[in-house]
Amino acid sequence: MIRDSWFTVQQINNNTFAISEYGHWEKVHSFLLIGDERAVLIDTGLGIGSIVRITDQLTNLPIIVITTHVHADHIGNHDEFDTIYVHEKDSDWLMNGIRGLSIEQIRVDIGRDITIPTPKTFNPETYTPYQGEPTGFVADGEVIDIGSRKLIVYHTPGHSPGHICIFDITNRYLFTGDLLYDEPPIYAFYPSTNPVDLVNSLERISGIKDVSKVYGSHNTLGLEPKILDEVKLAVKFLNEKELVKFGTGIHKFNGFSVKF
């Protein structure tokens, strides 16, 4: 297995790898999905360390980057790849900057609470999120065939306007980005978020059939699919109690929480 001073590489199955950044408080996961013809990299991490030095060791196939959403901790190494896809509703943020977050705030967040030595190339005072034009867009319901492996895109707005989840139909893995993860609350309190959209998106993914594992982009790597049953209950509770709006605070459920 690959040993690296910044990234932790964990093999999920023969052709699926998590590339994690546990030394940073956000505990970000990017995911490499390898098919017979090409590979998909779901997000590119914080940009503190070079992720291509990891992917180069894992596959020789051409890599397509699919962006779950345009926040700094998910697009940090987009500049290392030639083929980048994003949902159209997040494309403006990718090209022109992330709405609602100042560069000063991004630099504070990227540089704090780091527990292991960072690469010498990293300087939080000059850190600048990737900006660039995507190769193209992914759309809701689109099926991406990478050779003996099919992925379906779900547009799941709320955390950002163009947030997506990806269901690996072949292995039944559901990659949920920042829509669903455990430990700290799911963020839906920024002005650029939308609580109603987020809860509708949670409801939508809770209905995906035959999920074998849920992989959020932060914290615990791999959640049991029963969390989707908890999501259904949470959606019902939040709607019935009329809590789906800014300012209602943190709502805790079995296995996850949401902050509006």
C-alpha atoms as a PDB file:
ATOM      1  CA  MET A   1       0.000   0.000   0.000  1.00  0.00           C
ATOM      2  CA  ILE A   2       1.113   3.541  -0.718  1.00  0.00           C
ATOM      3  CA  ARG A   3       2.737   5.421   2.125  1.00  0.00           C
ATOM      4  CA  ASP A   4       2.700   9.218   1.960  1.00  0.00           C
ATOM      5  CA  SER A   5       3.570  12.010   4.375  1.00  0.00           C
ATOM      6  CA  TRP A   6       0.292  13.892   3.781  1.00  0.00           C
ATOM      7  CA  PHE A   7      -2.299  11.576   2.206  1.00  0.00           C
ATOM      8  CA  THR A   8      -3.656   8.323   3.611  1.00  0.00           C
ATOM      9  CA  VAL A   9      -4.579   5.874   0.858  1.00  0.00           C
ATOM     10  CA  GLN A  10      -7.180   3.227   1.718  1.00  0.00           C
ATOM     11  CA  GLN A  11      -8.309   0.497  -0.648  1.00  0.00           C
ATOM     12  CA  ILE A  12     -12.090   0.017  -0.673  1.00  0.00           C
ATOM     13  CA  ASN A  13     -12.019  -2.795  -3.240  1.00  0.00           C
ATOM     14  CA  ASN A  14      -9.745  -3.875  -6.099  1.00  0.00           C
ATOM     15  CA  ASN A  15     -10.511  -0.786  -8.176  1.00  0.00           C
ATOM     16  CA  THR A  16     -11.698   1.819  -5.645  1.00  0.00           C
ATOM     17  CA  PHE A  17      -9.488   3.932  -3.403  1.00  0.00           C
ATOM     18  CA  ALA A  18     -10.056   6.653  -0.821  1.00  0.00           C
ATOM     19  CA  ILE A  19      -7.375   9.341  -0.732  1.00  0.00           C
ATOM     20  CA  SER A  20      -7.778  11.023   2.651  1.00  0.00           C
ATOM     21  CA  GLU A  21      -6.320  14.068   4.407  1.00  0.00           C
ATOM     22  CA  TYR A  22      -6.581  13.168   8.089  1.00  0.00           C
ATOM     23  CA  GLY A  23      -3.985  15.731   9.163  1.00  0.00           C
ATOM     24  CA  HIS A  24      -6.440  18.562   8.496  1.00  0.00           C
ATOM     25  CA  TRP A  25      -9.455  19.284  10.683  1.00  0.00           C
ATOM     26  CA  GLU A  26     -11.854  18.729   7.770  1.00  0.00           C
ATOM     27  CA  LYS A  27     -10.696  15.101   7.252  1.00  0.00           C
ATOM     28  CA  VAL A  28     -11.414  15.265   3.540  1.00  0.00           C
ATOM     29  CA  HIS A  29     -11.764  12.183   1.322  1.00  0.00           C
ATOM     30  CA  SER A  30     -11.321  12.105  -2.442  1.00  0.00           C
ATOM     31  CA  PHE A  31     -12.152   8.878  -4.271  1.00  0.00           C
ATOM     32  CA  LEU A  32     -10.493   7.176  -7.236  1.00  0.00           C
ATOM     33  CA  LEU A  33     -12.791   4.823  -9.157  1.00  0.00           C
ATOM     34  CA  ILE A  34     -10.971   2.746 -11.773  1.00  0.00           C
ATOM     35  CA  GLY A  35     -12.746   1.195 -14.752  1.00  0.00           C
ATOM     36  CA  ASP A  36     -11.410  -0.844 -17.644  1.00  0.00           C
ATOM     37  CA  GLU A  37     -11.029   2.156 -19.958  1.00  0.00           C
ATOM     38  CA  ARG A  38     -10.617   5.199 -17.722  1.00  0.00           C
ATOM     39  CA  ALA A  39     -10.768   6.325 -14.104  1.00  0.00           C
ATOM     40  CA  VAL A  40     -12.855   8.887 -12.251  1.00  0.00           C
ATOM     41  CA  LEU A  41     -11.470  10.981  -9.423  1.00  0.00           C
ATOM     42  CA  ILE A  42     -14.288  12.322  -7.268  1.00  0.00           C
ATOM     43  CA  ASP A  43     -12.917  15.686  -6.062  1.00  0.00           C
ATOM     44  CA  THR A  44      -9.245  16.582  -5.666  1.00  0.00           C
ATOM     45  CA  GLY A  45      -8.898  17.483  -1.994  1.00  0.00           C
ATOM     46  CA  LEU A  46      -7.619  20.519  -0.166  1.00  0.00           C
ATOM     47  CA  GLY A  47      -4.689  21.395  -2.374  1.00  0.00           C
ATOM     48  CA  ILE A  48      -2.253  21.205   0.532  1.00  0.00           C
ATOM     49  CA  GLY A  49      -0.456  18.226  -1.016  1.00  0.00           C
ATOM     50  CA  SER A  50      -0.239  17.134  -4.671  1.00  0.00           C
ATOM     51  CA  ILE A  51      -2.863  14.435  -5.228  1.00  0.00           C
ATOM     52  CA  VAL A  52      -1.587  13.482  -8.693  1.00  0.00           C
ATOM     53  CA  ARG A  53       1.472  11.893  -7.099  1.00  0.00           C
ATOM     54  CA  ILE A  54      -0.978   9.452  -5.491  1.00  0.00           C
ATOM     55  CA  THR A  55      -3.210   8.820  -8.491  1.00  0.00           C
ATOM     56  CA  ASP A  56      -0.136   8.238 -10.688  1.00  0.00           C
ATOM     57  CA  GLN A  57       0.762   5.321  -8.426  1.00  0.00           C
ATOM     58  CA  LEU A  58      -2.738   3.836  -8.559  1.00  0.00           C
ATOM     59  CA  THR A  59      -3.583   3.899 -12.266  1.00  0.00           C
ATOM     60  CA  ASN A  60      -2.131   4.532 -15.730  1.00  0.00           C
ATOM     61  CA  LEU A  61      -5.582   5.151 -17.218  1.00  0.00           C
ATOM     62  CA  PRO A  62      -6.783   8.620 -18.226  1.00  0.00           C
ATOM     63  CA  ILE A  63      -8.463  10.321 -15.257  1.00  0.00           C
ATOM     64  CA  ILE A  64     -11.668  12.336 -15.360  1.00  0.00           C
ATOM     65  CA  VAL A  65     -12.247  14.621 -12.367  1.00  0.00           C
ATOM     66  CA  ILE A  66     -15.885  14.838 -11.304  1.00  0.00           C
ATOM     67  CA  THR A  67     -16.561  17.630  -8.827  1.00  0.00           C
ATOM     68  CA  THR A  68     -19.204  16.983  -6.156  1.00  0.00           C
ATOM     69  CA  HIS A  69     -19.319  20.746  -5.537  1.00  0.00           C
ATOM     70  CA  VAL A  70     -17.150  23.827  -5.738  1.00  0.00           C
ATOM     71  CA  HIS A  71     -15.760  24.470  -2.258  1.00  0.00           C
ATOM     72  CA  ALA A  72     -12.039  24.933  -1.655  1.00  0.00           C
ATOM     73  CA  ASP A  73     -11.558  21.581   0.097  1.00  0.00           C
ATOM     74  CA  HIS A  74     -12.885  19.668  -2.919  1.00  0.00           C
ATOM     75  CA  ILE A  75     -11.151  21.452  -5.815  1.00  0.00           C
ATOM     76  CA  GLY A  76      -7.681  21.966  -4.344  1.00  0.00           C
ATOM     77  CA  ASN A  77      -5.787  19.999  -6.997  1.00  0.00           C
ATOM     78  CA  HIS A  78      -8.031  20.505 -10.017  1.00  0.00           C
ATOM     79  CA  ASP A  79      -5.121  22.230 -11.753  1.00  0.00           C
ATOM     80  CA  GLU A  80      -3.246  18.900 -11.893  1.00  0.00           C
ATOM     81  CA  PHE A  81      -5.778  17.352 -14.287  1.00  0.00           C
ATOM     82  CA  ASP A  82      -6.836  18.091 -17.857  1.00  0.00           C
ATOM     83  CA  THR A  83     -10.409  16.779 -17.759  1.00  0.00           C
ATOM     84  CA  ILE A  84     -12.722  18.351 -15.179  1.00  0.00           C
ATOM     85  CA  TYR A  85     -16.491  18.065 -14.934  1.00  0.00           C
ATOM     86  CA  VAL A  86     -18.888  19.948 -12.667  1.00  0.00           C
ATOM     87  CA  HIS A  87     -22.632  20.533 -12.526  1.00  0.00           C
ATOM     88  CA  GLU A  88     -23.580  23.633 -14.500  1.00  0.00           C
ATOM     89  CA  LYS A  89     -25.024  25.354 -11.417  1.00  0.00           C
ATOM     90  CA  ASP A  90     -21.611  25.319  -9.694  1.00  0.00           C
ATOM     91  CA  SER A  91     -19.660  26.217 -12.822  1.00  0.00           C
ATOM     92  CA  ASP A  92     -19.707  29.971 -12.131  1.00  0.00           C
ATOM     93  CA  TRP A  93     -18.025  29.356  -8.761  1.00  0.00           C
ATOM     94  CA  LEU A  94     -15.371  27.205 -10.461  1.00  0.00           C
ATOM     95  CA  MET A  95     -14.592  29.862 -13.037  1.00  0.00           C
ATOM     96  CA  ASN A  96     -15.077  33.067 -11.046  1.00  0.00           C
ATOM     97  CA  GLY A  97     -14.660  32.187  -7.363  1.00  0.00           C
ATOM     98  CA  ILE A  98     -16.747  30.657  -4.578  1.00  0.00           C
ATOM     99  CA  ARG A  99     -19.720  32.836  -3.677  1.00  0.00           C
ATOM    100  CA  GLY A 100     -20.196  33.773  -0.042  1.00  0.00           C
ATOM    101  CA  LEU A 101     -16.678  32.925   1.126  1.00  0.00           C
ATOM    102  CA  SER A 102     -13.920  35.523   1.161  1.00  0.00           C
ATOM    103  CA  ILE A 103     -10.344  34.543   0.340  1.00  0.00           C
ATOM    104  CA  GLU A 104      -9.397  35.648   3.871  1.00  0.00           C
ATOM    105  CA  GLN A 105     -11.873  33.197   5.414  1.00  0.00           C
ATOM    106  CA  ILE A 106     -10.793  30.397   3.090  1.00  0.00           C
ATOM    107  CA  ARG A 107      -7.153  30.938   4.095  1.00  0.00           C
ATOM    108  CA  VAL A 108      -8.016  30.886   7.800  1.00  0.00           C
ATOM    109  CA  ASP A 109      -9.971  27.637   7.373  1.00  0.00           C
ATOM    110  CA  ILE A 110      -7.327  25.928   5.244  1.00  0.00           C
ATOM    111  CA  GLY A 111      -4.481  26.741   7.636  1.00  0.00           C
ATOM    112  CA  ARG A 112      -5.966  25.990  11.046  1.00  0.00           C
ATOM    113  CA  ASP A 113      -5.974  22.871  13.211  1.00  0.00           C
ATOM    114  CA  ILE A 114      -3.449  20.906  11.153  1.00  0.00           C
ATOM    115  CA  THR A 115      -1.990  18.009  13.127  1.00  0.00           C
ATOM    116  CA  ILE A 116       0.814  16.698  10.892  1.00  0.00           C
ATOM    117  CA  PRO A 117       3.596  18.451   8.940  1.00  0.00           C
ATOM    118  CA  THR A 118       2.411  19.914   5.658  1.00  0.00           C
ATOM    119  CA  PRO A 119       4.341  19.805   2.377  1.00  0.00           C
ATOM    120  CA  LYS A 120       6.890  22.606   2.056  1.00  0.00           C
ATOM    121  CA  THR A 121       4.991  23.944  -0.968  1.00  0.00           C
ATOM    122  CA  PHE A 122       1.950  24.819   1.189  1.00  0.00           C
ATOM    123  CA  ASN A 123       1.575  28.371   2.479  1.00  0.00           C
ATOM    124  CA  PRO A 124      -1.856  29.232   3.943  1.00  0.00           C
ATOM    125  CA  GLU A 125      -1.127  32.966   3.624  1.00  0.00           C
ATOM    126  CA  THR A 126      -0.904  32.742  -0.165  1.00  0.00           C
ATOM    127  CA  TYR A 127      -3.270  29.786  -0.721  1.00  0.00           C
ATOM    128  CA  THR A 128      -5.696  30.477  -3.565  1.00  0.00           C
ATOM    129  CA  PRO A 129      -8.525  28.111  -4.562  1.00  0.00           C
ATOM    130  CA  TYR A 130      -8.513  26.756  -8.078  1.00  0.00           C
ATOM    131  CA  GLN A 131     -10.318  28.797 -10.709  1.00  0.00           C
ATOM    132  CA  GLY A 132     -10.728  27.636 -14.261  1.00  0.00           C
ATOM    133  CA  GLU A 133     -13.097  26.596 -16.992  1.00  0.00           C
ATOM    134  CA  PRO A 134     -14.408  23.023 -16.774  1.00  0.00           C
ATOM    135  CA  THR A 135     -14.108  20.563 -19.634  1.00  0.00           C
ATOM    136  CA  GLY A 136     -17.860  20.092 -19.483  1.00  0.00           C
ATOM    137  CA  PHE A 137     -20.907  19.604 -17.297  1.00  0.00           C
ATOM    138  CA  VAL A 138     -22.481  16.572 -15.648  1.00  0.00           C
ATOM    139  CA  ALA A 139     -26.266  16.465 -15.513  1.00  0.00           C
ATOM    140  CA  ASP A 140     -28.838  14.837 -13.276  1.00  0.00           C
ATOM    141  CA  GLY A 141     -29.477  11.257 -14.342  1.00  0.00           C
ATOM    142  CA  GLU A 142     -26.401  11.077 -16.550  1.00  0.00           C
ATOM    143  CA  VAL A 143     -24.718   7.670 -16.652  1.00  0.00           C
ATOM    144  CA  ILE A 144     -20.929   7.668 -16.962  1.00  0.00           C
ATOM    145  CA  ASP A 145     -19.449   4.429 -18.315  1.00  0.00           C
ATOM    146  CA  ILE A 146     -15.744   4.039 -17.530  1.00  0.00           C
ATOM    147  CA  GLY A 147     -15.498   0.478 -18.834  1.00  0.00           C
ATOM    148  CA  SER A 148     -17.222  -2.386 -16.964  1.00  0.00           C
ATOM    149  CA  ARG A 149     -18.297   0.198 -14.396  1.00  0.00           C
ATOM    150  CA  LYS A 150     -21.224   2.612 -14.553  1.00  0.00           C
ATOM    151  CA  LEU A 151     -21.805   5.692 -12.421  1.00  0.00           C
ATOM    152  CA  ILE A 152     -25.035   7.687 -12.238  1.00  0.00           C
ATOM    153  CA  VAL A 153     -25.149  11.364 -11.327  1.00  0.00           C
ATOM    154  CA  TYR A 154     -27.745  12.761  -8.914  1.00  0.00           C
ATOM    155  CA  HIS A 155     -28.127  16.548  -8.747  1.00  0.00           C
ATOM    156  CA  THR A 156     -28.507  17.171  -5.009  1.00  0.00           C
ATOM    157  CA  PRO A 157     -28.473  20.943  -4.371  1.00  0.00           C
ATOM    158  CA  GLY A 158     -28.580  22.576  -0.955  1.00  0.00           C
ATOM    159  CA  HIS A 159     -25.005  22.659   0.285  1.00  0.00           C
ATOM    160  CA  SER A 160     -24.242  24.364  -3.026  1.00  0.00           C
ATOM    161  CA  PRO A 161     -26.470  24.998  -6.053  1.00  0.00           C
ATOM    162  CA  GLY A 162     -24.706  22.403  -8.210  1.00  0.00           C
ATOM    163  CA  HIS A 163     -23.879  19.779  -5.600  1.00  0.00           C
ATOM    164  CA  ILE A 164     -24.034  16.212  -6.915  1.00  0.00           C
ATOM    165  CA  CYS A 165     -23.917  12.695  -5.501  1.00  0.00           C
ATOM    166  CA  ILE A 166     -22.581   9.765  -7.494  1.00  0.00           C
ATOM    167  CA  PHE A 167     -23.929   6.225  -7.310  1.00  0.00           C
ATOM    168  CA  ASP A 168     -21.558   3.517  -8.490  1.00  0.00           C
ATOM    169  CA  ILE A 169     -24.186   1.174  -9.935  1.00  0.00           C
ATOM    170  CA  THR A 170     -21.669  -1.636 -10.390  1.00  0.00           C
ATOM    171  CA  ASN A 171     -20.495  -1.774  -6.768  1.00  0.00           C
ATOM    172  CA  ARG A 172     -23.538  -0.072  -5.213  1.00  0.00           C
ATOM    173  CA  TYR A 173     -21.410   2.568  -3.499  1.00  0.00           C
ATOM    174  CA  LEU A 174     -23.083   5.943  -2.941  1.00  0.00           C
ATOM    175  CA  PHE A 175     -20.694   8.909  -2.831  1.00  0.00           C
ATOM    176  CA  THR A 176     -22.516  11.739  -1.082  1.00  0.00           C
ATOM    177  CA  GLY A 177     -20.002  14.615  -1.071  1.00  0.00           C
ATOM    178  CA  ASP A 178     -21.056  17.125   1.580  1.00  0.00           C
ATOM    179  CA  LEU A 179     -24.728  16.177   1.512  1.00  0.00           C
ATOM    180  CA  LEU A 180     -24.301  13.382   4.059  1.00  0.00           C
ATOM    181  CA  TYR A 181     -21.476  12.492   6.448  1.00  0.00           C
ATOM    182  CA  ASP A 182     -21.171  11.827  10.184  1.00  0.00           C
ATOM    183  CA  GLU A 183     -19.672  13.666  13.199  1.00  0.00           C
ATOM    184  CA  PRO A 184     -19.759  17.477  12.620  1.00  0.00           C
ATOM    185  CA  PRO A 185     -23.030  18.876  11.259  1.00  0.00           C
ATOM    186  CA  ILE A 186     -23.839  19.022   7.568  1.00  0.00           C
ATOM    187  CA  TYR A 187     -23.541  22.700   6.620  1.00  0.00           C
ATOM    188  CA  ALA A 188     -26.705  24.445   5.433  1.00  0.00           C
ATOM    189  CA  PHE A 189     -26.329  27.760   7.239  1.00  0.00           C
ATOM    190  CA  TYR A 190     -24.194  29.816   4.868  1.00  0.00           C
ATOM    191  CA  PRO A 191     -26.088  32.397   2.775  1.00  0.00           C
ATOM    192  CA  SER A 192     -24.967  30.416  -0.290  1.00  0.00           C
ATOM    193  CA  THR A 193     -26.723  27.266   0.972  1.00  0.00           C
ATOM    194  CA  ASN A 194     -30.402  26.411   0.698  1.00  0.00           C
ATOM    195  CA  PRO A 195     -32.020  24.472   3.590  1.00  0.00           C
ATOM    196  CA  VAL A 196     -35.132  23.463   1.622  1.00  0.00           C
ATOM    197  CA  ASP A 197     -33.078  22.149  -1.295  1.00  0.00           C
ATOM    198  CA  LEU A 198     -30.765  20.286   1.083  1.00  0.00           C
ATOM    199  CA  VAL A 199     -33.601  18.466   2.835  1.00  0.00           C
ATOM    200  CA  ASN A 200     -35.207  17.611  -0.504  1.00  0.00           C
ATOM    201  CA  SER A 201     -31.846  16.238  -1.657  1.00  0.00           C
ATOM    202  CA  LEU A 202     -31.495  14.163   1.501  1.00  0.00           C
ATOM    203  CA  GLU A 203     -34.940  12.748   0.880  1.00  0.00           C
ATOM    204  CA  ARG A 204     -33.998  11.917  -2.684  1.00  0.00           C
ATOM    205  CA  ILE A 205     -30.833   9.949  -1.858  1.00  0.00           C
ATOM    206  CA  SER A 206     -32.640   8.103   0.946  1.00  0.00           C
ATOM    207  CA  GLY A 207     -34.755   6.456  -1.759  1.00  0.00           C
ATOM    208  CA  ILE A 208     -31.835   5.047  -3.773  1.00  0.00           C
ATOM    209  CA  LYS A 209     -32.191   1.268  -3.780  1.00  0.00           C
ATOM    210  CA  ASP A 210     -29.602  -1.421  -3.028  1.00  0.00           C
ATOM    211  CA  VAL A 211     -26.862   0.826  -1.636  1.00  0.00           C
ATOM    212  CA  SER A 212     -24.068  -1.295  -0.134  1.00  0.00           C
ATOM    213  CA  LYS A 213     -22.071   1.564   1.447  1.00  0.00           C
ATOM    214  CA  VAL A 214     -22.309   5.337   1.807  1.00  0.00           C
ATOM    215  CA  TYR A 215     -19.126   7.350   1.334  1.00  0.00           C
ATOM    216  CA  GLY A 216     -19.306  10.945   2.478  1.00  0.00           C
ATOM    217  CA  SER A 217     -16.446  13.346   1.767  1.00  0.00           C
ATOM    218  CA  HIS A 218     -15.526  13.938   5.411  1.00  0.00           C
ATOM    219  CA  ASN A 219     -14.861  12.106   8.674  1.00  0.00           C
ATOM    220  CA  THR A 220     -15.679   8.371   8.952  1.00  0.00           C
ATOM    221  CA  LEU A 221     -14.776   6.485   5.780  1.00  0.00           C
ATOM    222  CA  GLY A 222     -17.780   4.393   4.802  1.00  0.00           C
ATOM    223  CA  LEU A 223     -21.149   4.435   6.530  1.00  0.00           C
ATOM    224  CA  GLU A 224     -23.597   1.550   6.619  1.00  0.00           C
ATOM    225  CA  PRO A 225     -26.585   1.981   4.289  1.00  0.00           C
ATOM    226  CA  LYS A 226     -28.999   1.905   7.247  1.00  0.00           C
ATOM    227  CA  ILE A 227     -28.102   5.590   7.702  1.00  0.00           C
ATOM    228  CA  LEU A 228     -30.385   6.245   4.717  1.00  0.00           C
ATOM    229  CA  ASP A 229     -33.321   4.991   6.807  1.00  0.00           C
ATOM    230  CA  GLU A 230     -32.339   7.510   9.478  1.00  0.00           C
ATOM    231  CA  VAL A 231     -32.258  10.191   6.785  1.00  0.00           C
ATOM    232  CA  LYS A 232     -35.879   9.403   5.868  1.00  0.00           C
ATOM    233  CA  LEU A 233     -36.942   9.811   9.497  1.00  0.00           C
ATOM    234  CA  ALA A 234     -34.955  13.037   9.836  1.00  0.00           C
ATOM    235  CA  VAL A 235     -36.534  14.569   6.722  1.00  0.00           C
ATOM    236  CA  LYS A 236     -40.002  13.789   8.037  1.00  0.00           C
ATOM    237  CA  PHE A 237     -39.181  15.285  11.448  1.00  0.00           C
ATOM    238  CA  LEU A 238     -37.617  18.452  10.057  1.00  0.00           C
ATOM    239  CA  ASN A 239     -40.544  19.099   7.731  1.00  0.00           C
ATOM    240  CA  GLU A 240     -43.245  18.353  10.308  1.00  0.00           C
ATOM    241  CA  LYS A 241     -41.610  20.622  12.898  1.00  0.00           C
ATOM    242  CA  GLU A 242     -41.099  23.396  10.303  1.00  0.00           C
ATOM    243  CA  LEU A 243     -37.370  23.537  11.044  1.00  0.00           C
ATOM    244  CA  VAL A 244     -36.157  23.728   7.454  1.00  0.00           C
ATOM    245  CA  LYS A 245     -35.009  27.355   7.431  1.00  0.00           C
ATOM    246  CA  PHE A 246     -32.012  29.453   8.358  1.00  0.00           C
ATOM    247  CA  GLY A 247     -31.436  30.043  12.039  1.00  0.00           C
ATOM    248  CA  THR A 248     -33.087  26.973  13.569  1.00  0.00           C
ATOM    249  CA  GLY A 249     -29.673  25.674  14.661  1.00  0.00           C
ATOM    250  CA  ILE A 250     -28.227  22.174  14.889  1.00  0.00           C
ATOM    251  CA  HIS A 251     -30.532  19.176  14.618  1.00  0.00           C
ATOM    252  CA  LYS A 252     -29.084  15.849  15.740  1.00  0.00           C
ATOM    253  CA  PHE A 253     -30.211  12.476  14.457  1.00  0.00           C
ATOM    254  CA  ASN A 254     -28.968   8.905  14.726  1.00  0.00           C
ATOM    255  CA  GLY A 255     -25.630   8.972  12.920  1.00  0.00           C
ATOM    256  CA  PHE A 256     -25.571  12.545  11.580  1.00  0.00           C
ATOM    257  CA  SER A 257     -26.690  16.121  12.203  1.00  0.00           C
ATOM    258  CA  VAL A 258     -27.642  19.189  10.179  1.00  0.00           C
ATOM    259  CA  LYS A 259     -27.035  22.883  10.905  1.00  0.00           C
ATOM    260  CA  PHE A 260     -29.382  25.505   9.452  1.00  0.00           C
END
